[in-house]
PDB file of N, CA and C in Angstrom:
ATOM      1  N   MET A   1     214.731 125.523   0.503  1.00  0.00           N
ATOM      2  CA  MET A   1     213.878 125.868   2.141  1.00  0.00           C
ATOM      3  C   MET A   1     214.465 125.106   3.198  1.00  0.00           C
ATOM      4  N   LYS A   2     215.093 123.903   3.179  1.00  0.00           N
ATOM      5  CA  LYS A   2     215.684 123.682   4.642  1.00  0.00           C
ATOM      6  C   LYS A   2     216.924 124.364   4.690  1.00  0.00           C
ATOM      7  N   ALA A   3     218.126 124.742   3.569  1.00  0.00           N
ATOM      8  CA  ALA A   3     218.673 125.465   3.691  1.00  0.00           C
ATOM      9  C   ALA A   3     218.935 127.069   4.176  1.00  0.00           C
ATOM     10  N   LYS A   4     217.577 127.460   3.746  1.00  0.00           N
ATOM     11  CA  LYS A   4     217.222 128.825   4.617  1.00  0.00           C
ATOM     12  C   LYS A   4     217.211 128.872   5.698  1.00  0.00           C
ATOM     13  N   LEU A   5     215.964 127.671   6.418  1.00  0.00           N
ATOM     14  CA  LEU A   5     215.944 127.378   7.970  1.00  0.00           C
ATOM     15  C   LEU A   5     217.000 126.809   8.656  1.00  0.00           C
ATOM     16  N   ILE A   6     218.477 126.636   8.146  1.00  0.00           N
ATOM     17  CA  ILE A   6     219.607 125.888   8.672  1.00  0.00           C
ATOM     18  C   ILE A   6     220.054 127.319   8.685  1.00  0.00           C
ATOM     19  N   ALA A   7     220.019 128.184   7.693  1.00  0.00           N
ATOM     20  CA  ALA A   7     220.906 129.387   7.849  1.00  0.00           C
ATOM     21  C   ALA A   7     220.496 130.522   9.140  1.00  0.00           C
ATOM     22  N   VAL A   8     219.173 130.408   9.367  1.00  0.00           N
ATOM     23  CA  VAL A   8     217.796 131.542   9.896  1.00  0.00           C
ATOM     24  C   VAL A   8     218.534 130.814  11.767  1.00  0.00           C
ATOM     25  N   LEU A   9     218.623 129.416  11.673  1.00  0.00           N
ATOM     26  CA  LEU A   9     218.405 129.109  12.646  1.00  0.00           C
ATOM     27  C   LEU A   9     220.450 128.911  13.728  1.00  0.00           C
ATOM     28  N   ALA A  10     221.100 129.093  12.335  1.00  0.00           N
ATOM     29  CA  ALA A  10     222.508 128.792  12.929  1.00  0.00           C
ATOM     30  C   ALA A  10     222.946 130.851  13.025  1.00  0.00           C
ATOM     31  N   ALA A  11     222.196 131.453  12.690  1.00  0.00           N
ATOM     32  CA  ALA A  11     221.925 133.091  12.700  1.00  0.00           C
ATOM     33  C   ALA A  11     221.204 133.550  14.173  1.00  0.00           C
ATOM     34  N   GLY A  12     220.199 132.462  14.233  1.00  0.00           N
ATOM     35  CA  GLY A  12     219.847 133.047  15.930  1.00  0.00           C
ATOM     36  C   GLY A  12     220.862 132.298  16.828  1.00  0.00           C
ATOM     37  N   VAL A  13     221.440 131.302  16.583  1.00  0.00           N
ATOM     38  CA  VAL A  13     222.579 130.606  17.264  1.00  0.00           C
ATOM     39  C   VAL A  13     223.526 131.749  18.211  1.00  0.00           C
ATOM     40  N   ILE A  14     223.982 132.268  16.717  1.00  0.00           N
ATOM     41  CA  ILE A  14     224.966 133.299  16.954  1.00  0.00           C
ATOM     42  C   ILE A  14     225.201 134.655  17.604  1.00  0.00           C
ATOM     43  N   LEU A  15     223.969 135.063  17.282  1.00  0.00           N
ATOM     44  CA  LEU A  15     223.256 135.863  17.908  1.00  0.00           C
ATOM     45  C   LEU A  15     223.501 135.832  19.504  1.00  0.00           C
ATOM     46  N   PHE A  16     222.283 134.712  19.966  1.00  0.00           N
ATOM     47  CA  PHE A  16     222.235 134.166  21.343  1.00  0.00           C
ATOM     48  C   PHE A  16     223.522 134.571  21.834  1.00  0.00           C
ATOM     49  N   MET A  17     224.112 133.456  21.681  1.00  0.00           N
ATOM     50  CA  MET A  17     226.041 133.403  21.915  1.00  0.00           C
ATOM     51  C   MET A  17     226.689 134.951  22.414  1.00  0.00           C
ATOM     52  N   VAL A  18     226.680 135.950  20.730  1.00  0.00           N
ATOM     53  CA  VAL A  18     227.198 137.169  21.335  1.00  0.00           C
ATOM     54  C   VAL A  18     226.693 137.621  22.337  1.00  0.00           C
ATOM     55  N   SER A  19     225.039 137.626  22.630  1.00  0.00           N
ATOM     56  CA  SER A  19     224.491 138.903  23.050  1.00  0.00           C
ATOM     57  C   SER A  19     225.038 138.215  24.803  1.00  0.00           C
ATOM     58  N   GLY A  20     225.079 136.862  25.666  1.00  0.00           N
ATOM     59  CA  GLY A  20     225.110 136.579  26.335  1.00  0.00           C
ATOM     60  C   GLY A  20     226.000 137.418  27.248  1.00  0.00           C
ATOM     61  N   PRO A  21     227.319 137.388  26.967  1.00  0.00           N
ATOM     62  CA  PRO A  21     228.187 138.438  27.660  1.00  0.00           C
ATOM     63  C   PRO A  21     227.566 139.994  27.517  1.00  0.00           C
ATOM     64  N   ALA A  22     227.104 140.361  27.119  1.00  0.00           N
ATOM     65  CA  ALA A  22     226.121 142.045  27.347  1.00  0.00           C
ATOM     66  C   ALA A  22     225.434 141.364  28.524  1.00  0.00           C
ATOM     67  N   PHE A  23     224.513 140.404  28.891  1.00  0.00           N
ATOM     68  CA  PHE A  23     223.556 140.298  29.681  1.00  0.00           C
ATOM     69  C   PHE A  23     224.527 140.497  30.694  1.00  0.00           C
ATOM     70  N   ALA A  24     225.073 139.207  31.047  1.00  0.00           N
ATOM     71  CA  ALA A  24     225.839 139.118  31.522  1.00  0.00           C
ATOM     72  C   ALA A  24     226.325 140.028  32.420  1.00  0.00           C
ATOM     73  N   HIS A  25     226.992 141.173  31.883  1.00  0.00           N
ATOM     74  CA  HIS A  25     227.393 142.382  32.518  1.00  0.00           C
ATOM     75  C   HIS A  25     226.673 143.006  33.328  1.00  0.00           C
ATOM     76  N   HIS A  26     225.722 142.873  32.979  1.00  0.00           N
ATOM     77  CA  HIS A  26     224.695 144.240  33.752  1.00  0.00           C
ATOM     78  C   HIS A  26     223.624 142.982  34.885  1.00  0.00           C
ATOM     79  N   GLY A  27     224.482 142.352  35.486  1.00  0.00           N
ATOM     80  CA  GLY A  27     223.830 141.472  36.959  1.00  0.00           C
ATOM     81  C   GLY A  27     224.466 142.531  37.795  1.00  0.00           C
ATOM     82  N   GLY A  28     223.251 142.334  38.790  1.00  0.00           N
ATOM     83  CA  GLY A  28     224.043 143.364  39.955  1.00  0.00           C
ATOM     84  C   GLY A  28     224.188 142.360  41.650  1.00  0.00           C
ATOM     85  N   ALA A  29     224.432 141.405  41.214  1.00  0.00           N
ATOM     86  CA  ALA A  29     224.444 139.912  42.427  1.00  0.00           C
ATOM     87  C   ALA A  29     225.441 140.639  43.469  1.00  0.00           C
ATOM     88  N   GLN A  30     226.611 141.231  42.924  1.00  0.00           N
ATOM     89  CA  GLN A  30     227.793 141.527  44.029  1.00  0.00           C
ATOM     90  C   GLN A  30     227.705 142.286  44.895  1.00  0.00           C
ATOM     91  N   TYR A  31     226.206 143.449  44.591  1.00  0.00           N
ATOM     92  CA  TYR A  31     226.168 144.295  45.650  1.00  0.00           C
ATOM     93  C   TYR A  31     225.101 144.338  46.315  1.00  0.00           C
ATOM     94  N   ASP A  32     225.424 144.787  47.439  1.00  0.00           N
ATOM     95  CA  ASP A  32     223.985 144.330  48.647  1.00  0.00           C
ATOM     96  C   ASP A  32     223.250 145.355  48.461  1.00  0.00           C
ATOM     97  N   THR A  33     222.430 145.137  47.679  1.00  0.00           N
ATOM     98  CA  THR A  33     221.240 145.808  47.702  1.00  0.00           C
ATOM     99  C   THR A  33     220.659 146.137  49.195  1.00  0.00           C
ATOM    100  N   GLN A  34     220.389 145.825  50.200  1.00  0.00           N
ATOM    101  CA  GLN A  34     219.733 145.373  51.189  1.00  0.00           C
ATOM    102  C   GLN A  34     220.326 146.242  52.126  1.00  0.00           C
ATOM    103  N   HIS A  35     221.280 146.490  52.256  1.00  0.00           N
ATOM    104  CA  HIS A  35     221.930 147.152  53.242  1.00  0.00           C
ATOM    105  C   HIS A  35     222.766 148.661  52.098  1.00  0.00           C
ATOM    106  N   PRO A  36     222.204 149.571  52.162  1.00  0.00           N
ATOM    107  CA  PRO A  36     222.673 150.833  51.464  1.00  0.00           C
ATOM    108  C   PRO A  36     223.633 151.882  52.568  1.00  0.00           C
ATOM    109  N   VAL A  37     224.547 152.390  51.861  1.00  0.00           N
ATOM    110  CA  VAL A  37     225.833 153.019  52.456  1.00  0.00           C
ATOM    111  C   VAL A  37     225.363 154.473  51.984  1.00  0.00           C
ATOM    112  N   THR A  38     225.741 155.184  52.928  1.00  0.00           N
ATOM    113  CA  THR A  38     225.678 156.761  52.439  1.00  0.00           C
ATOM    114  C   THR A  38     227.300 157.264  53.121  1.00  0.00           C
ATOM    115  N   VAL A  39     227.976 158.130  51.825  1.00  0.00           N
ATOM    116  CA  VAL A  39     229.357 158.514  52.514  1.00  0.00           C
ATOM    117  C   VAL A  39     229.023 159.942  52.308  1.00  0.00           C
ATOM    118  N   THR A  40     230.199 160.846  52.418  1.00  0.00           N
ATOM    119  CA  THR A  40     230.547 161.879  51.381  1.00  0.00           C
ATOM    120  C   THR A  40     232.260 161.911  52.076  1.00  0.00           C
ATOM    121  N   GLY A  41     232.299 162.656  50.843  1.00  0.00           N
ATOM    122  CA  GLY A  41     233.713 162.731  50.243  1.00  0.00           C
ATOM    123  C   GLY A  41     234.052 164.201  49.387  1.00  0.00           C
ATOM    124  N   THR A  42     235.276 163.915  48.960  1.00  0.00           N
ATOM    125  CA  THR A  42     235.051 164.580  48.066  1.00  0.00           C
ATOM    126  C   THR A  42     236.263 164.224  46.318  1.00  0.00           C
ATOM    127  N   VAL A  43     235.522 164.391  45.114  1.00  0.00           N
ATOM    128  CA  VAL A  43     235.959 163.919  44.235  1.00  0.00           C
ATOM    129  C   VAL A  43     237.327 164.265  43.691  1.00  0.00           C
ATOM    130  N   THR A  44     238.177 162.812  43.371  1.00  0.00           N
ATOM    131  CA  THR A  44     239.602 162.791  43.113  1.00  0.00           C
ATOM    132  C   THR A  44     239.106 162.646  41.412  1.00  0.00           C
ATOM    133  N   GLU A  45     238.322 161.892  40.877  1.00  0.00           N
ATOM    134  CA  GLU A  45     237.763 161.378  39.241  1.00  0.00           C
ATOM    135  C   GLU A  45     237.135 160.866  38.780  1.00  0.00           C
ATOM    136  N   TYR A  46     236.806 162.194  37.911  1.00  0.00           N
ATOM    137  CA  TYR A  46     235.225 161.797  37.421  1.00  0.00           C
ATOM    138  C   TYR A  46     235.437 161.390  36.242  1.00  0.00           C
ATOM    139  N   MET A  47     234.898 159.842  35.785  1.00  0.00           N
ATOM    140  CA  MET A  47     235.184 159.306  34.573  1.00  0.00           C
ATOM    141  C   MET A  47     234.193 159.068  33.499  1.00  0.00           C
ATOM    142  N   PHE A  48     234.066 160.078  32.908  1.00  0.00           N
ATOM    143  CA  PHE A  48     232.530 160.141  31.875  1.00  0.00           C
ATOM    144  C   PHE A  48     232.377 159.392  31.072  1.00  0.00           C
ATOM    145  N   THR A  49     232.841 157.924  30.771  1.00  0.00           N
ATOM    146  CA  THR A  49     233.177 157.220  29.991  1.00  0.00           C
ATOM    147  C   THR A  49     232.156 156.033  29.540  1.00  0.00           C
ATOM    148  N   ASN A  50     232.073 155.088  29.069  1.00  0.00           N
ATOM    149  CA  ASN A  50     231.691 154.006  28.497  1.00  0.00           C
ATOM    150  C   ASN A  50     232.178 152.901  29.694  1.00  0.00           C
ATOM    151  N   PRO A  51     231.868 151.303  29.563  1.00  0.00           N
ATOM    152  CA  PRO A  51     230.608 151.284  29.734  1.00  0.00           C
ATOM    153  C   PRO A  51     229.919 152.271  30.753  1.00  0.00           C
ATOM    154  N   HIS A  52     230.078 152.785  31.927  1.00  0.00           N
ATOM    155  CA  HIS A  52     229.683 152.894  33.234  1.00  0.00           C
ATOM    156  C   HIS A  52     230.516 154.443  33.463  1.00  0.00           C
ATOM    157  N   VAL A  53     229.977 155.173  34.203  1.00  0.00           N
ATOM    158  CA  VAL A  53     230.373 156.717  34.917  1.00  0.00           C
ATOM    159  C   VAL A  53     231.168 155.852  35.848  1.00  0.00           C
ATOM    160  N   GLN A  54     232.064 156.151  35.680  1.00  0.00           N
ATOM    161  CA  GLN A  54     232.609 156.217  37.899  1.00  0.00           C
ATOM    162  C   GLN A  54     233.055 157.306  38.102  1.00  0.00           C
ATOM    163  N   ILE A  55     233.049 157.384  39.432  1.00  0.00           N
ATOM    164  CA  ILE A  55     233.416 159.073  40.157  1.00  0.00           C
ATOM    165  C   ILE A  55     234.158 158.497  41.258  1.00  0.00           C
ATOM    166  N   HIS A  56     235.974 158.383  41.298  1.00  0.00           N
ATOM    167  CA  HIS A  56     236.411 157.960  42.113  1.00  0.00           C
ATOM    168  C   HIS A  56     236.241 159.419  43.237  1.00  0.00           C
ATOM    169  N   PHE A  57     236.292 158.882  45.009  1.00  0.00           N
ATOM    170  CA  PHE A  57     236.448 159.754  45.675  1.00  0.00           C
ATOM    171  C   PHE A  57     236.785 159.505  46.854  1.00  0.00           C
ATOM    172  N   ASP A  58     237.516 160.517  47.810  1.00  0.00           N
ATOM    173  CA  ASP A  58     237.857 160.481  49.358  1.00  0.00           C
ATOM    174  C   ASP A  58     236.735 160.877  50.039  1.00  0.00           C
ATOM    175  N   VAL A  59     236.942 159.845  51.126  1.00  0.00           N
ATOM    176  CA  VAL A  59     235.934 160.059  52.393  1.00  0.00           C
ATOM    177  C   VAL A  59     237.270 159.898  53.463  1.00  0.00           C
ATOM    178  N   LYS A  60     236.754 160.775  54.007  1.00  0.00           N
ATOM    179  CA  LYS A  60     237.487 160.579  55.613  1.00  0.00           C
ATOM    180  C   LYS A  60     236.878 159.523  56.347  1.00  0.00           C
ATOM    181  N   GLY A  61     237.770 158.615  56.859  1.00  0.00           N
ATOM    182  CA  GLY A  61     236.977 157.564  57.961  1.00  0.00           C
ATOM    183  C   GLY A  61     237.237 158.235  59.387  1.00  0.00           C
ATOM    184  N   GLU A  62     236.660 156.887  60.062  1.00  0.00           N
ATOM    185  CA  GLU A  62     236.022 157.190  61.743  1.00  0.00           C
ATOM    186  C   GLU A  62     237.387 157.634  62.456  1.00  0.00           C
ATOM    187  N   LYS A  63     238.528 157.122  61.844  1.00  0.00           N
ATOM    188  CA  LYS A  63     240.087 157.643  62.478  1.00  0.00           C
ATOM    189  C   LYS A  63     240.867 158.218  61.901  1.00  0.00           C
ATOM    190  N   GLY A  64     240.000 158.787  60.796  1.00  0.00           N
ATOM    191  CA  GLY A  64     240.490 160.061  60.456  1.00  0.00           C
ATOM    192  C   GLY A  64     241.316 159.749  59.017  1.00  0.00           C
ATOM    193  N   THR A  65     241.410 158.527  58.874  1.00  0.00           N
ATOM    194  CA  THR A  65     242.372 158.085  56.976  1.00  0.00           C
ATOM    195  C   THR A  65     241.531 158.406  56.327  1.00  0.00           C
ATOM    196  N   VAL A  66     242.260 158.491  55.267  1.00  0.00           N
ATOM    197  CA  VAL A  66     241.387 158.399  53.634  1.00  0.00           C
ATOM    198  C   VAL A  66     240.728 157.737  53.302  1.00  0.00           C
ATOM    199  N   GLU A  67     239.973 157.243  52.852  1.00  0.00           N
ATOM    200  CA  GLU A  67     239.250 156.141  52.634  1.00  0.00           C
ATOM    201  C   GLU A  67     239.052 156.113  51.080  1.00  0.00           C
ATOM    202  N   LYS A  68     239.869 155.617  49.891  1.00  0.00           N
ATOM    203  CA  LYS A  68     239.607 155.468  48.174  1.00  0.00           C
ATOM    204  C   LYS A  68     238.244 155.030  48.195  1.00  0.00           C
ATOM    205  N   TRP A  69     237.031 155.251  47.245  1.00  0.00           N
ATOM    206  CA  TRP A  69     235.914 154.635  47.380  1.00  0.00           C
ATOM    207  C   TRP A  69     235.549 154.916  45.594  1.00  0.00           C
ATOM    208  N   VAL A  70     235.127 154.287  45.028  1.00  0.00           N
ATOM    209  CA  VAL A  70     234.552 154.903  43.305  1.00  0.00           C
ATOM    210  C   VAL A  70     233.174 154.456  43.332  1.00  0.00           C
ATOM    211  N   ALA A  71     232.522 155.604  42.892  1.00  0.00           N
ATOM    212  CA  ALA A  71     230.860 154.930  42.322  1.00  0.00           C
ATOM    213  C   ALA A  71     230.552 154.632  41.404  1.00  0.00           C
ATOM    214  N   GLU A  72     229.811 153.888  41.053  1.00  0.00           N
ATOM    215  CA  GLU A  72     229.420 153.603  39.339  1.00  0.00           C
ATOM    216  C   GLU A  72     227.825 153.831  39.021  1.00  0.00           C
ATOM    217  N   THR A  73     227.710 154.249  38.316  1.00  0.00           N
ATOM    218  CA  THR A  73     226.663 154.470  37.518  1.00  0.00           C
ATOM    219  C   THR A  73     226.281 153.592  35.730  1.00  0.00           C
ATOM    220  N   ALA A  74     225.215 154.383  35.442  1.00  0.00           N
ATOM    221  CA  ALA A  74     224.684 154.375  34.610  1.00  0.00           C
ATOM    222  C   ALA A  74     225.404 154.773  33.315  1.00  0.00           C
ATOM    223  N   SER A  75     225.578 154.725  31.868  1.00  0.00           N
ATOM    224  CA  SER A  75     226.711 154.476  30.756  1.00  0.00           C
ATOM    225  C   SER A  75     226.551 156.293  30.876  1.00  0.00           C
ATOM    226  N   PRO A  76     227.097 156.893  30.210  1.00  0.00           N
ATOM    227  CA  PRO A  76     227.031 158.569  29.543  1.00  0.00           C
ATOM    228  C   PRO A  76     226.241 158.647  28.586  1.00  0.00           C
ATOM    229  N   GLN A  77     225.747 157.882  27.865  1.00  0.00           N
ATOM    230  CA  GLN A  77     224.363 158.186  26.959  1.00  0.00           C
ATOM    231  C   GLN A  77     223.211 158.384  27.842  1.00  0.00           C
ATOM    232  N   ARG A  78     223.084 157.843  28.471  1.00  0.00           N
ATOM    233  CA  ARG A  78     221.766 157.128  29.949  1.00  0.00           C
ATOM    234  C   ARG A  78     221.644 158.553  30.359  1.00  0.00           C
ATOM    235  N   LEU A  79     223.039 159.115  31.218  1.00  0.00           N
ATOM    236  CA  LEU A  79     223.209 160.047  32.115  1.00  0.00           C
ATOM    237  C   LEU A  79     222.807 161.767  31.348  1.00  0.00           C
ATOM    238  N   PHE A  80     223.223 161.624  29.964  1.00  0.00           N
ATOM    239  CA  PHE A  80     222.850 162.786  29.213  1.00  0.00           C
ATOM    240  C   PHE A  80     221.748 163.201  29.585  1.00  0.00           C
ATOM    241  N   GLY A  81     220.295 162.132  29.596  1.00  0.00           N
ATOM    242  CA  GLY A  81     219.229 162.428  29.370  1.00  0.00           C
ATOM    243  C   GLY A  81     218.843 162.713  30.525  1.00  0.00           C
ATOM    244  N   PHE A  82     219.726 163.389  31.844  1.00  0.00           N
ATOM    245  CA  PHE A  82     219.366 163.493  33.725  1.00  0.00           C
ATOM    246  C   PHE A  82     220.411 164.709  33.565  1.00  0.00           C
ATOM    247  N   GLY A  83     221.015 165.681  32.242  1.00  0.00           N
ATOM    248  CA  GLY A  83     221.654 166.634  32.528  1.00  0.00           C
ATOM    249  C   GLY A  83     223.003 166.620  32.926  1.00  0.00           C
ATOM    250  N   TRP A  84     223.526 165.298  32.972  1.00  0.00           N
ATOM    251  CA  TRP A  84     224.638 165.125  33.396  1.00  0.00           C
ATOM    252  C   TRP A  84     225.698 165.247  31.754  1.00  0.00           C
ATOM    253  N   ASN A  85     226.672 165.693  32.330  1.00  0.00           N
ATOM    254  CA  ASN A  85     228.091 165.346  30.951  1.00  0.00           C
ATOM    255  C   ASN A  85     229.578 165.417  31.875  1.00  0.00           C
ATOM    256  N   ALA A  86     230.121 165.350  30.657  1.00  0.00           N
ATOM    257  CA  ALA A  86     231.856 165.451  31.081  1.00  0.00           C
ATOM    258  C   ALA A  86     232.078 166.206  32.576  1.00  0.00           C
ATOM    259  N   LYS A  87     231.864 167.448  32.072  1.00  0.00           N
ATOM    260  CA  LYS A  87     231.730 168.319  32.910  1.00  0.00           C
ATOM    261  C   LYS A  87     230.831 168.112  34.138  1.00  0.00           C
ATOM    262  N   THR A  88     230.353 167.461  34.449  1.00  0.00           N
ATOM    263  CA  THR A  88     228.948 167.451  35.293  1.00  0.00           C
ATOM    264  C   THR A  88     229.872 167.586  36.950  1.00  0.00           C
ATOM    265  N   LEU A  89     230.709 167.083  36.999  1.00  0.00           N
ATOM    266  CA  LEU A  89     231.669 166.997  38.527  1.00  0.00           C
ATOM    267  C   LEU A  89     233.419 167.140  38.066  1.00  0.00           C
ATOM    268  N   LYS A  90     233.722 167.769  39.125  1.00  0.00           N
ATOM    269  CA  LYS A  90     235.616 168.178  39.025  1.00  0.00           C
ATOM    270  C   LYS A  90     236.188 167.628  40.134  1.00  0.00           C
ATOM    271  N   ALA A  91     237.479 167.396  40.330  1.00  0.00           N
ATOM    272  CA  ALA A  91     238.043 167.377  41.211  1.00  0.00           C
ATOM    273  C   ALA A  91     237.452 168.187  42.481  1.00  0.00           C
ATOM    274  N   GLY A  92     237.704 167.690  43.530  1.00  0.00           N
ATOM    275  CA  GLY A  92     237.624 168.932  44.459  1.00  0.00           C
ATOM    276  C   GLY A  92     236.424 168.904  44.683  1.00  0.00           C
ATOM    277  N   ASP A  93     234.739 168.620  43.820  1.00  0.00           N
ATOM    278  CA  ASP A  93     233.645 168.505  44.732  1.00  0.00           C
ATOM    279  C   ASP A  93     233.570 167.915  45.586  1.00  0.00           C
ATOM    280  N   LYS A  94     232.434 168.557  46.238  1.00  0.00           N
ATOM    281  CA  LYS A  94     232.104 167.650  47.477  1.00  0.00           C
ATOM    282  C   LYS A  94     231.112 166.793  46.893  1.00  0.00           C
ATOM    283  N   ILE A  95     230.530 165.642  47.444  1.00  0.00           N
ATOM    284  CA  ILE A  95     229.185 164.856  46.821  1.00  0.00           C
ATOM    285  C   ILE A  95     229.409 164.384  48.028  1.00  0.00           C
ATOM    286  N   THR A  96     227.791 163.488  48.347  1.00  0.00           N
ATOM    287  CA  THR A  96     227.042 162.502  49.207  1.00  0.00           C
ATOM    288  C   THR A  96     226.668 161.689  48.218  1.00  0.00           C
ATOM    289  N   VAL A  97     226.947 160.546  48.740  1.00  0.00           N
ATOM    290  CA  VAL A  97     226.300 159.241  47.787  1.00  0.00           C
ATOM    291  C   VAL A  97     225.902 158.035  48.805  1.00  0.00           C
ATOM    292  N   THR A  98     224.439 157.782  48.023  1.00  0.00           N
ATOM    293  CA  THR A  98     224.099 156.578  48.821  1.00  0.00           C
ATOM    294  C   THR A  98     224.532 155.694  47.948  1.00  0.00           C
ATOM    295  N   GLY A  99     224.553 154.343  48.499  1.00  0.00           N
ATOM    296  CA  GLY A  99     224.886 153.436  47.235  1.00  0.00           C
ATOM    297  C   GLY A  99     224.806 151.530  47.622  1.00  0.00           C
ATOM    298  N   ALA A 100     224.569 151.019  46.614  1.00  0.00           N
ATOM    299  CA  ALA A 100     224.666 149.459  47.081  1.00  0.00           C
ATOM    300  C   ALA A 100     226.080 149.227  47.165  1.00  0.00           C
ATOM    301  N   GLN A 101     226.826 148.682  48.723  1.00  0.00           N
ATOM    302  CA  GLN A 101     228.485 148.427  48.095  1.00  0.00           C
ATOM    303  C   GLN A 101     228.825 147.088  48.038  1.00  0.00           C
ATOM    304  N   LEU A 102     229.873 146.383  46.874  1.00  0.00           N
ATOM    305  CA  LEU A 102     230.530 145.481  47.186  1.00  0.00           C
ATOM    306  C   LEU A 102     230.205 144.901  48.085  1.00  0.00           C
ATOM    307  N   LYS A 103     229.791 143.229  47.731  1.00  0.00           N
ATOM    308  CA  LYS A 103     229.539 142.240  49.492  1.00  0.00           C
ATOM    309  C   LYS A 103     230.586 142.019  49.686  1.00  0.00           C
ATOM    310  N   ASP A 104     231.386 142.429  48.668  1.00  0.00           N
ATOM    311  CA  ASP A 104     233.100 141.586  49.366  1.00  0.00           C
ATOM    312  C   ASP A 104     233.870 143.031  50.111  1.00  0.00           C
ATOM    313  N   GLY A 105     232.889 143.794  50.389  1.00  0.00           N
ATOM    314  CA  GLY A 105     233.847 144.836  51.357  1.00  0.00           C
ATOM    315  C   GLY A 105     234.505 145.943  50.847  1.00  0.00           C
ATOM    316  N   ASN A 106     234.820 145.921  49.394  1.00  0.00           N
ATOM    317  CA  ASN A 106     235.782 146.680  48.795  1.00  0.00           C
ATOM    318  C   ASN A 106     234.851 147.900  48.514  1.00  0.00           C
ATOM    319  N   LYS A 107     235.576 149.054  48.949  1.00  0.00           N
ATOM    320  CA  LYS A 107     234.812 150.147  48.699  1.00  0.00           C
ATOM    321  C   LYS A 107     234.192 150.816  47.281  1.00  0.00           C
ATOM    322  N   ILE A 108     233.374 150.520  47.079  1.00  0.00           N
ATOM    323  CA  ILE A 108     232.693 150.573  45.606  1.00  0.00           C
ATOM    324  C   ILE A 108     231.580 150.604  45.685  1.00  0.00           C
ATOM    325  N   VAL A 109     230.399 151.522  45.033  1.00  0.00           N
ATOM    326  CA  VAL A 109     229.031 151.450  45.210  1.00  0.00           C
ATOM    327  C   VAL A 109     228.118 151.711  43.773  1.00  0.00           C
ATOM    328  N   SER A 110     227.286 151.147  43.921  1.00  0.00           N
ATOM    329  CA  SER A 110     226.531 151.443  42.664  1.00  0.00           C
ATOM    330  C   SER A 110     225.547 152.380  43.509  1.00  0.00           C
ATOM    331  N   ILE A 111     225.533 153.586  42.411  1.00  0.00           N
ATOM    332  CA  ILE A 111     224.865 154.676  42.844  1.00  0.00           C
ATOM    333  C   ILE A 111     223.333 154.151  42.692  1.00  0.00           C
ATOM    334  N   ILE A 112     222.801 154.631  44.094  1.00  0.00           N
ATOM    335  CA  ILE A 112     221.285 155.006  44.333  1.00  0.00           C
ATOM    336  C   ILE A 112     221.114 156.448  44.771  1.00  0.00           C
ATOM    337  N   LYS A 113     221.815 157.001  45.208  1.00  0.00           N
ATOM    338  CA  LYS A 113     221.709 158.144  44.935  1.00  0.00           C
ATOM    339  C   LYS A 113     222.858 159.273  45.343  1.00  0.00           C
ATOM    340  N   LEU A 114     222.783 160.144  44.367  1.00  0.00           N
ATOM    341  CA  LEU A 114     224.438 161.363  44.516  1.00  0.00           C
ATOM    342  C   LEU A 114     224.093 162.931  44.361  1.00  0.00           C
ATOM    343  N   GLU A 115     224.216 163.493  45.284  1.00  0.00           N
ATOM    344  CA  GLU A 115     223.743 164.925  45.934  1.00  0.00           C
ATOM    345  C   GLU A 115     225.844 165.637  45.710  1.00  0.00           C
ATOM    346  N   GLY A 116     225.714 166.856  44.821  1.00  0.00           N
ATOM    347  CA  GLY A 116     226.795 167.816  45.597  1.00  0.00           C
ATOM    348  C   GLY A 116     227.694 168.133  44.217  1.00  0.00           C
ATOM    349  N   GLY A 117     228.460 168.786  44.396  1.00  0.00           N
ATOM    350  CA  GLY A 117     228.737 169.877  43.207  1.00  0.00           C
ATOM    351  C   GLY A 117     227.949 170.735  42.247  1.00  0.00           C
ATOM    352  N   ASN A 118     228.661 170.907  41.128  1.00  0.00           N
ATOM    353  CA  ASN A 118     226.938 171.406  40.428  1.00  0.00           C
ATOM    354  C   ASN A 118     225.896 170.616  39.747  1.00  0.00           C
ATOM    355  N   ALA A 119     225.544 169.060  40.164  1.00  0.00           N
ATOM    356  CA  ALA A 119     225.452 168.212  39.295  1.00  0.00           C
ATOM    357  C   ALA A 119     223.874 168.057  39.886  1.00  0.00           C
ATOM    358  N   PRO A 120     223.403 167.888  38.867  1.00  0.00           N
ATOM    359  CA  PRO A 120     221.673 167.537  39.093  1.00  0.00           C
ATOM    360  C   PRO A 120     221.649 166.187  40.005  1.00  0.00           C
ATOM    361  N   VAL A 121     221.065 166.286  41.079  1.00  0.00           N
ATOM    362  CA  VAL A 121     220.760 165.216  41.824  1.00  0.00           C
ATOM    363  C   VAL A 121     220.314 163.837  40.660  1.00  0.00           C
ATOM    364  N   LEU A 122     221.655 162.821  41.484  1.00  0.00           N
ATOM    365  CA  LEU A 122     221.323 161.594  40.409  1.00  0.00           C
ATOM    366  C   LEU A 122     220.220 160.536  41.661  1.00  0.00           C
ATOM    367  N   THR A 123     219.439 159.923  40.670  1.00  0.00           N
ATOM    368  CA  THR A 123     218.977 158.978  41.501  1.00  0.00           C
ATOM    369  C   THR A 123     218.889 157.673  40.634  1.00  0.00           C
ATOM    370  N   LYS A 124     218.553 156.583  41.485  1.00  0.00           N
ATOM    371  CA  LYS A 124     218.462 155.422  41.144  1.00  0.00           C
ATOM    372  C   LYS A 124     217.591 155.064  39.798  1.00  0.00           C
ATOM    373  N   GLY A 125     216.981 155.761  39.422  1.00  0.00           N
ATOM    374  CA  GLY A 125     216.392 155.620  38.163  1.00  0.00           C
ATOM    375  C   GLY A 125     217.485 156.127  36.719  1.00  0.00           C
ATOM    376  N   ALA A 126     217.922 156.805  37.210  1.00  0.00           N
ATOM    377  CA  ALA A 126     219.575 157.093  36.356  1.00  0.00           C
ATOM    378  C   ALA A 126     220.328 156.302  36.167  1.00  0.00           C
ATOM    379  N   ALA A 127     220.298 155.443  37.163  1.00  0.00           N
ATOM    380  CA  ALA A 127     221.437 154.727  37.073  1.00  0.00           C
ATOM    381  C   ALA A 127     221.256 153.195  36.794  1.00  0.00           C
ATOM    382  N   GLU A 128     219.753 152.799  36.789  1.00  0.00           N
ATOM    383  CA  GLU A 128     219.595 151.623  36.186  1.00  0.00           C
ATOM    384  C   GLU A 128     220.072 151.366  34.400  1.00  0.00           C
TER     385      GLU A 128
END
């Protein structure tokens, strides 16, 4: 009986240790959720891959310079349920993204809302 208890406890500890990085990965503390930004640009690359779908796009800045942005959202499996797939967006599509930008100022956002191209509107509920 004692050996069985030790085995169960050991399995629980191992499971806890293995699952920790998965939970840490999904933190959102690096994003400024209190001050969302909205930008409009042109898709340059659409990566419908795990762990998170990424949309790379160019935005014309205030001075006419091109700024490279990245929008991140949920996994492909989650987006399938919202009508998205690997062909939802393509290079050249015009999109408008509202998102929480990284606090360090890098031009990476976690999508709150995305509209454009032939894509169904994507909202925060889909991205969580």
